[in-house]
PDB file of all heavy atoms in Angstrom:
ATOM      1  N   ALA A   1      14.389 -34.894  -4.292  1.00  0.00           N
ATOM      2  CA  ALA A   1      13.064 -34.861  -3.665  1.00  0.00           C
ATOM      3  C   ALA A   1      13.137 -35.308  -2.211  1.00  0.00           C
ATOM      4  O   ALA A   1      12.505 -34.705  -1.326  1.00  0.00           O
ATOM      5  CB  ALA A   1      12.092 -35.734  -4.450  1.00  0.00           C
ATOM      6  N   GLU A   2      13.912 -36.348  -1.970  1.00  0.00           N
ATOM      7  CA  GLU A   2      14.080 -36.823  -0.591  1.00  0.00           C
ATOM      8  C   GLU A   2      14.756 -35.765   0.269  1.00  0.00           C
ATOM      9  O   GLU A   2      14.298 -35.456   1.391  1.00  0.00           O
ATOM     10  CB  GLU A   2      14.905 -38.107  -0.585  1.00  0.00           C
ATOM     11  CG  GLU A   2      15.159 -38.664   0.807  1.00  0.00           C
ATOM     12  CD  GLU A   2      16.073 -39.876   0.793  1.00  0.00           C
ATOM     13  OE1 GLU A   2      16.928 -39.971  -0.127  1.00  0.00           O
ATOM     14  OE2 GLU A   2      15.955 -40.712   1.701  1.00  0.00           O
ATOM     15  N   GLN A   3      15.832 -35.181  -0.239  1.00  0.00           N
ATOM     16  CA  GLN A   3      16.571 -34.186   0.534  1.00  0.00           C
ATOM     17  C   GLN A   3      15.732 -32.940   0.798  1.00  0.00           C
ATOM     18  O   GLN A   3      15.895 -32.279   1.820  1.00  0.00           O
ATOM     19  CB  GLN A   3      17.856 -33.808  -0.206  1.00  0.00           C
ATOM     20  CG  GLN A   3      18.889 -34.932  -0.248  1.00  0.00           C
ATOM     21  CD  GLN A   3      20.133 -34.575  -1.031  1.00  0.00           C
ATOM     22  OE1 GLN A   3      20.147 -33.614  -1.811  1.00  0.00           O
ATOM     23  NE2 GLN A   3      21.201 -35.345  -0.853  1.00  0.00           N
ATOM     24  N   ALA A   4      14.823 -32.617  -0.137  1.00  0.00           N
ATOM     25  CA  ALA A   4      13.987 -31.428   0.017  1.00  0.00           C
ATOM     26  C   ALA A   4      12.759 -31.685   0.887  1.00  0.00           C
ATOM     27  O   ALA A   4      12.016 -30.746   1.189  1.00  0.00           O
ATOM     28  CB  ALA A   4      13.544 -30.918  -1.359  1.00  0.00           C
ATOM     29  N   GLY A   5      12.540 -32.926   1.276  1.00  0.00           N
ATOM     30  CA  GLY A   5      11.444 -33.227   2.195  1.00  0.00           C
ATOM     31  C   GLY A   5      10.110 -33.558   1.553  1.00  0.00           C
ATOM     32  O   GLY A   5       9.066 -33.464   2.207  1.00  0.00           O
ATOM     33  N   TYR A   6      10.116 -33.981   0.293  1.00  0.00           N
ATOM     34  CA  TYR A   6       8.870 -34.369  -0.358  1.00  0.00           C
ATOM     35  C   TYR A   6       8.463 -35.784   0.056  1.00  0.00           C
ATOM     36  O   TYR A   6       9.311 -36.634   0.366  1.00  0.00           O
ATOM     37  CB  TYR A   6       9.014 -34.326  -1.887  1.00  0.00           C
ATOM     38  CG  TYR A   6       9.102 -32.933  -2.445  1.00  0.00           C
ATOM     39  CD1 TYR A   6      10.340 -32.319  -2.626  1.00  0.00           C
ATOM     40  CD2 TYR A   6       7.955 -32.225  -2.782  1.00  0.00           C
ATOM     41  CE1 TYR A   6      10.434 -31.027  -3.134  1.00  0.00           C
ATOM     42  CE2 TYR A   6       8.036 -30.938  -3.301  1.00  0.00           C
ATOM     43  CZ  TYR A   6       9.273 -30.348  -3.467  1.00  0.00           C
ATOM     44  OH  TYR A   6       9.356 -29.071  -3.969  1.00  0.00           O
ATOM     45  N   ASP A   7       7.149 -36.004   0.037  1.00  0.00           N
ATOM     46  CA  ASP A   7       6.624 -37.342   0.283  1.00  0.00           C
ATOM     47  C   ASP A   7       6.540 -38.148  -1.008  1.00  0.00           C
ATOM     48  O   ASP A   7       6.620 -39.379  -0.979  1.00  0.00           O
ATOM     49  CB  ASP A   7       5.213 -37.262   0.888  1.00  0.00           C
ATOM     50  CG  ASP A   7       5.183 -36.461   2.177  1.00  0.00           C
ATOM     51  OD1 ASP A   7       5.836 -36.889   3.139  1.00  0.00           O
ATOM     52  OD2 ASP A   7       4.518 -35.402   2.209  1.00  0.00           O
ATOM     53  N   ALA A   8       6.325 -37.465  -2.123  1.00  0.00           N
ATOM     54  CA  ALA A   8       6.053 -38.164  -3.382  1.00  0.00           C
ATOM     55  C   ALA A   8       6.613 -37.384  -4.562  1.00  0.00           C
ATOM     56  O   ALA A   8       6.860 -36.176  -4.477  1.00  0.00           O
ATOM     57  CB  ALA A   8       4.544 -38.363  -3.562  1.00  0.00           C
ATOM     58  N   VAL A   9       6.788 -38.093  -5.670  1.00  0.00           N
ATOM     59  CA  VAL A   9       7.140 -37.498  -6.956  1.00  0.00           C
ATOM     60  C   VAL A   9       6.133 -38.000  -7.979  1.00  0.00           C
ATOM     61  O   VAL A   9       5.790 -39.184  -7.994  1.00  0.00           O
ATOM     62  CB  VAL A   9       8.570 -37.888  -7.392  1.00  0.00           C
ATOM     63  CG1 VAL A   9       8.810 -37.530  -8.868  1.00  0.00           C
ATOM     64  CG2 VAL A   9       9.610 -37.204  -6.518  1.00  0.00           C
ATOM     65  N   GLU A  10       5.637 -37.085  -8.814  1.00  0.00           N
ATOM     66  CA  GLU A  10       4.759 -37.478  -9.912  1.00  0.00           C
ATOM     67  C   GLU A  10       5.594 -37.620 -11.180  1.00  0.00           C
ATOM     68  O   GLU A  10       6.182 -36.644 -11.662  1.00  0.00           O
ATOM     69  CB  GLU A  10       3.670 -36.428 -10.133  1.00  0.00           C
ATOM     70  CG  GLU A  10       2.714 -36.811 -11.256  1.00  0.00           C
ATOM     71  CD  GLU A  10       1.556 -35.851 -11.358  1.00  0.00           C
ATOM     72  OE1 GLU A  10       1.768 -34.706 -11.849  1.00  0.00           O
ATOM     73  OE2 GLU A  10       0.446 -36.214 -10.917  1.00  0.00           O
ATOM     74  N   LEU A  11       5.657 -38.834 -11.688  1.00  0.00           N
ATOM     75  CA  LEU A  11       6.387 -39.084 -12.926  1.00  0.00           C
ATOM     76  C   LEU A  11       5.490 -38.829 -14.128  1.00  0.00           C
ATOM     77  O   LEU A  11       4.268 -38.740 -14.009  1.00  0.00           O
ATOM     78  CB  LEU A  11       6.903 -40.527 -12.943  1.00  0.00           C
ATOM     79  CG  LEU A  11       7.909 -40.887 -11.845  1.00  0.00           C
ATOM     80  CD1 LEU A  11       8.301 -42.357 -11.945  1.00  0.00           C
ATOM     81  CD2 LEU A  11       9.131 -39.986 -11.904  1.00  0.00           C
ATOM     82  N   ASN A  12       6.122 -38.711 -15.302  1.00  0.00           N
ATOM     83  CA  ASN A  12       5.400 -38.469 -16.550  1.00  0.00           C
ATOM     84  C   ASN A  12       5.678 -39.610 -17.515  1.00  0.00           C
ATOM     85  O   ASN A  12       6.751 -40.220 -17.498  1.00  0.00           O
ATOM     86  CB  ASN A  12       5.849 -37.149 -17.185  1.00  0.00           C
ATOM     87  CG  ASN A  12       5.621 -35.973 -16.268  1.00  0.00           C
ATOM     88  OD1 ASN A  12       4.555 -35.817 -15.691  1.00  0.00           O
ATOM     89  ND2 ASN A  12       6.641 -35.136 -16.100  1.00  0.00           N
ATOM     90  N   LEU A  13       4.723 -39.861 -18.390  1.00  0.00           N
ATOM     91  CA  LEU A  13       4.908 -40.829 -19.461  1.00  0.00           C
ATOM     92  C   LEU A  13       5.373 -40.092 -20.708  1.00  0.00           C
ATOM     93  O   LEU A  13       4.752 -39.111 -21.130  1.00  0.00           O
ATOM     94  CB  LEU A  13       3.596 -41.560 -19.745  1.00  0.00           C
ATOM     95  CG  LEU A  13       3.647 -42.596 -20.886  1.00  0.00           C
ATOM     96  CD1 LEU A  13       4.567 -43.751 -20.526  1.00  0.00           C
ATOM     97  CD2 LEU A  13       2.246 -43.091 -21.215  1.00  0.00           C
ATOM     98  N   TYR A  14       6.467 -40.569 -21.303  1.00  0.00           N
ATOM     99  CA  TYR A  14       7.056 -39.943 -22.470  1.00  0.00           C
ATOM    100  C   TYR A  14       6.987 -40.882 -23.678  1.00  0.00           C
ATOM    101  O   TYR A  14       6.770 -42.093 -23.523  1.00  0.00           O
ATOM    102  CB  TYR A  14       8.518 -39.592 -22.189  1.00  0.00           C
ATOM    103  CG  TYR A  14       8.706 -38.541 -21.123  1.00  0.00           C
ATOM    104  CD1 TYR A  14       8.973 -38.902 -19.808  1.00  0.00           C
ATOM    105  CD2 TYR A  14       8.600 -37.184 -21.436  1.00  0.00           C
ATOM    106  CE1 TYR A  14       9.137 -37.931 -18.821  1.00  0.00           C
ATOM    107  CE2 TYR A  14       8.772 -36.209 -20.455  1.00  0.00           C
ATOM    108  CZ  TYR A  14       9.035 -36.588 -19.155  1.00  0.00           C
ATOM    109  OH  TYR A  14       9.192 -35.628 -18.184  1.00  0.00           O
ATOM    110  N   PRO A  15       7.190 -40.335 -24.882  1.00  0.00           N
ATOM    111  CA  PRO A  15       7.269 -41.215 -26.056  1.00  0.00           C
ATOM    112  C   PRO A  15       8.458 -42.159 -25.948  1.00  0.00           C
ATOM    113  O   PRO A  15       9.310 -42.025 -25.065  1.00  0.00           O
ATOM    114  CB  PRO A  15       7.445 -40.230 -27.225  1.00  0.00           C
ATOM    115  CG  PRO A  15       7.015 -38.908 -26.700  1.00  0.00           C
ATOM    116  CD  PRO A  15       7.317 -38.916 -25.241  1.00  0.00           C
ATOM    117  N   SER A  16       8.534 -43.085 -26.843  1.00  0.00           N
ATOM    118  CA  SER A  16       9.659 -44.021 -26.865  1.00  0.00           C
ATOM    119  C   SER A  16      10.976 -43.256 -26.932  1.00  0.00           C
ATOM    120  O   SER A  16      11.103 -42.273 -27.661  1.00  0.00           O
ATOM    121  CB  SER A  16       9.550 -44.948 -28.080  1.00  0.00           C
ATOM    122  OG  SER A  16       8.327 -45.655 -28.044  1.00  0.00           O
ATOM    123  N   GLY A  17      11.934 -43.680 -26.128  1.00  0.00           N
ATOM    124  CA  GLY A  17      13.247 -43.059 -26.144  1.00  0.00           C
ATOM    125  C   GLY A  17      13.413 -41.917 -25.167  1.00  0.00           C
ATOM    126  O   GLY A  17      14.488 -41.343 -25.069  1.00  0.00           O
ATOM    127  N   GLY A  18      12.357 -41.574 -24.414  1.00  0.00           N
ATOM    128  CA  GLY A  18      12.454 -40.486 -23.445  1.00  0.00           C
ATOM    129  C   GLY A  18      13.136 -40.926 -22.166  1.00  0.00           C
ATOM    130  O   GLY A  18      13.545 -42.084 -22.011  1.00  0.00           O
ATOM    131  N   THR A  19      13.260 -39.991 -21.217  1.00  0.00           N
ATOM    132  CA  THR A  19      13.876 -40.275 -19.926  1.00  0.00           C
ATOM    133  C   THR A  19      12.815 -40.729 -18.943  1.00  0.00           C
ATOM    134  O   THR A  19      11.782 -40.085 -18.799  1.00  0.00           O
ATOM    135  CB  THR A  19      14.584 -39.025 -19.373  1.00  0.00           C
ATOM    136  OG1 THR A  19      15.589 -38.613 -20.293  1.00  0.00           O
ATOM    137  CG2 THR A  19      15.236 -39.321 -18.029  1.00  0.00           C
ATOM    138  N   GLY A  20      13.069 -41.835 -18.259  1.00  0.00           N
ATOM    139  CA  GLY A  20      12.109 -42.305 -17.271  1.00  0.00           C
ATOM    140  C   GLY A  20      11.114 -43.267 -17.891  1.00  0.00           C
ATOM    141  O   GLY A  20      11.474 -44.178 -18.641  1.00  0.00           O
ATOM    142  N   LEU A  21       9.827 -43.087 -17.597  1.00  0.00           N
ATOM    143  CA  LEU A  21       8.790 -43.982 -18.089  1.00  0.00           C
ATOM    144  C   LEU A  21       8.400 -43.599 -19.518  1.00  0.00           C
ATOM    145  O   LEU A  21       8.116 -42.434 -19.797  1.00  0.00           O
ATOM    146  CB  LEU A  21       7.562 -43.915 -17.187  1.00  0.00           C
ATOM    147  CG  LEU A  21       7.778 -44.304 -15.725  1.00  0.00           C
ATOM    148  CD1 LEU A  21       6.489 -44.112 -14.936  1.00  0.00           C
ATOM    149  CD2 LEU A  21       8.262 -45.748 -15.606  1.00  0.00           C
ATOM    150  N   THR A  22       8.372 -44.582 -20.392  1.00  0.00           N
ATOM    151  CA  THR A  22       8.034 -44.330 -21.791  1.00  0.00           C
ATOM    152  C   THR A  22       7.017 -45.366 -22.251  1.00  0.00           C
ATOM    153  O   THR A  22       6.681 -46.320 -21.537  1.00  0.00           O
ATOM    154  CB  THR A  22       9.269 -44.397 -22.700  1.00  0.00           C
ATOM    155  OG1 THR A  22       9.643 -45.777 -22.876  1.00  0.00           O
ATOM    156  CG2 THR A  22      10.438 -43.615 -22.107  1.00  0.00           C
ATOM    157  N   MET A  23       6.559 -45.191 -23.479  1.00  0.00           N
ATOM    158  CA  MET A  23       5.623 -46.145 -24.053  1.00  0.00           C
ATOM    159  C   MET A  23       6.246 -47.539 -24.161  1.00  0.00           C
ATOM    160  O   MET A  23       5.522 -48.531 -24.279  1.00  0.00           O
ATOM    161  CB  MET A  23       5.165 -45.663 -25.431  1.00  0.00           C
ATOM    162  CG  MET A  23       4.350 -44.377 -25.410  1.00  0.00           C
ATOM    163  SD  MET A  23       2.733 -44.566 -24.619  1.00  0.00           S
ATOM    164  CE  MET A  23       1.845 -45.520 -25.864  1.00  0.00           C
ATOM    165  N   ASP A  24       7.573 -47.626 -24.104  1.00  0.00           N
ATOM    166  CA  ASP A  24       8.265 -48.911 -24.245  1.00  0.00           C
ATOM    167  C   ASP A  24       8.750 -49.499 -22.926  1.00  0.00           C
ATOM    168  O   ASP A  24       9.389 -50.559 -22.909  1.00  0.00           O
ATOM    169  CB  ASP A  24       9.473 -48.762 -25.181  1.00  0.00           C
ATOM    170  CG  ASP A  24       9.062 -48.401 -26.600  1.00  0.00           C
ATOM    171  OD1 ASP A  24       7.961 -48.809 -27.008  1.00  0.00           O
ATOM    172  OD2 ASP A  24       9.838 -47.710 -27.274  1.00  0.00           O
ATOM    173  N   THR A  25       8.480 -48.838 -21.814  1.00  0.00           N
ATOM    174  CA  THR A  25       8.959 -49.325 -20.520  1.00  0.00           C
ATOM    175  C   THR A  25       8.395 -50.713 -20.226  1.00  0.00           C
ATOM    176  O   THR A  25       7.189 -50.943 -20.335  1.00  0.00           O
ATOM    177  CB  THR A  25       8.557 -48.355 -19.396  1.00  0.00           C
ATOM    178  OG1 THR A  25       9.210 -47.100 -19.604  1.00  0.00           O
ATOM    179  CG2 THR A  25       8.959 -48.901 -18.029  1.00  0.00           C
ATOM    180  N   THR A  26       9.262 -51.634 -19.849  1.00  0.00           N
ATOM    181  CA  THR A  26       8.842 -52.996 -19.543  1.00  0.00           C
ATOM    182  C   THR A  26       8.415 -53.100 -18.080  1.00  0.00           C
ATOM    183  O   THR A  26       8.698 -52.215 -17.257  1.00  0.00           O
ATOM    184  CB  THR A  26       9.980 -53.980 -19.797  1.00  0.00           C
ATOM    185  OG1 THR A  26      11.050 -53.711 -18.865  1.00  0.00           O
ATOM    186  CG2 THR A  26      10.511 -53.856 -21.215  1.00  0.00           C
ATOM    187  N   ALA A  27       7.768 -54.208 -17.755  1.00  0.00           N
ATOM    188  CA  ALA A  27       7.356 -54.443 -16.369  1.00  0.00           C
ATOM    189  C   ALA A  27       8.579 -54.501 -15.459  1.00  0.00           C
ATOM    190  O   ALA A  27       8.562 -53.962 -14.340  1.00  0.00           O
ATOM    191  CB  ALA A  27       6.555 -55.735 -16.281  1.00  0.00           C
TER     192      ALA A  27
END
């Protein structure tokens, strides 16, 4: 995203065990 010149990325919330942010993600 940085190399392509984006200002932002929208992340997604996934079920437990997914990639990135999940229902189990800690602070």
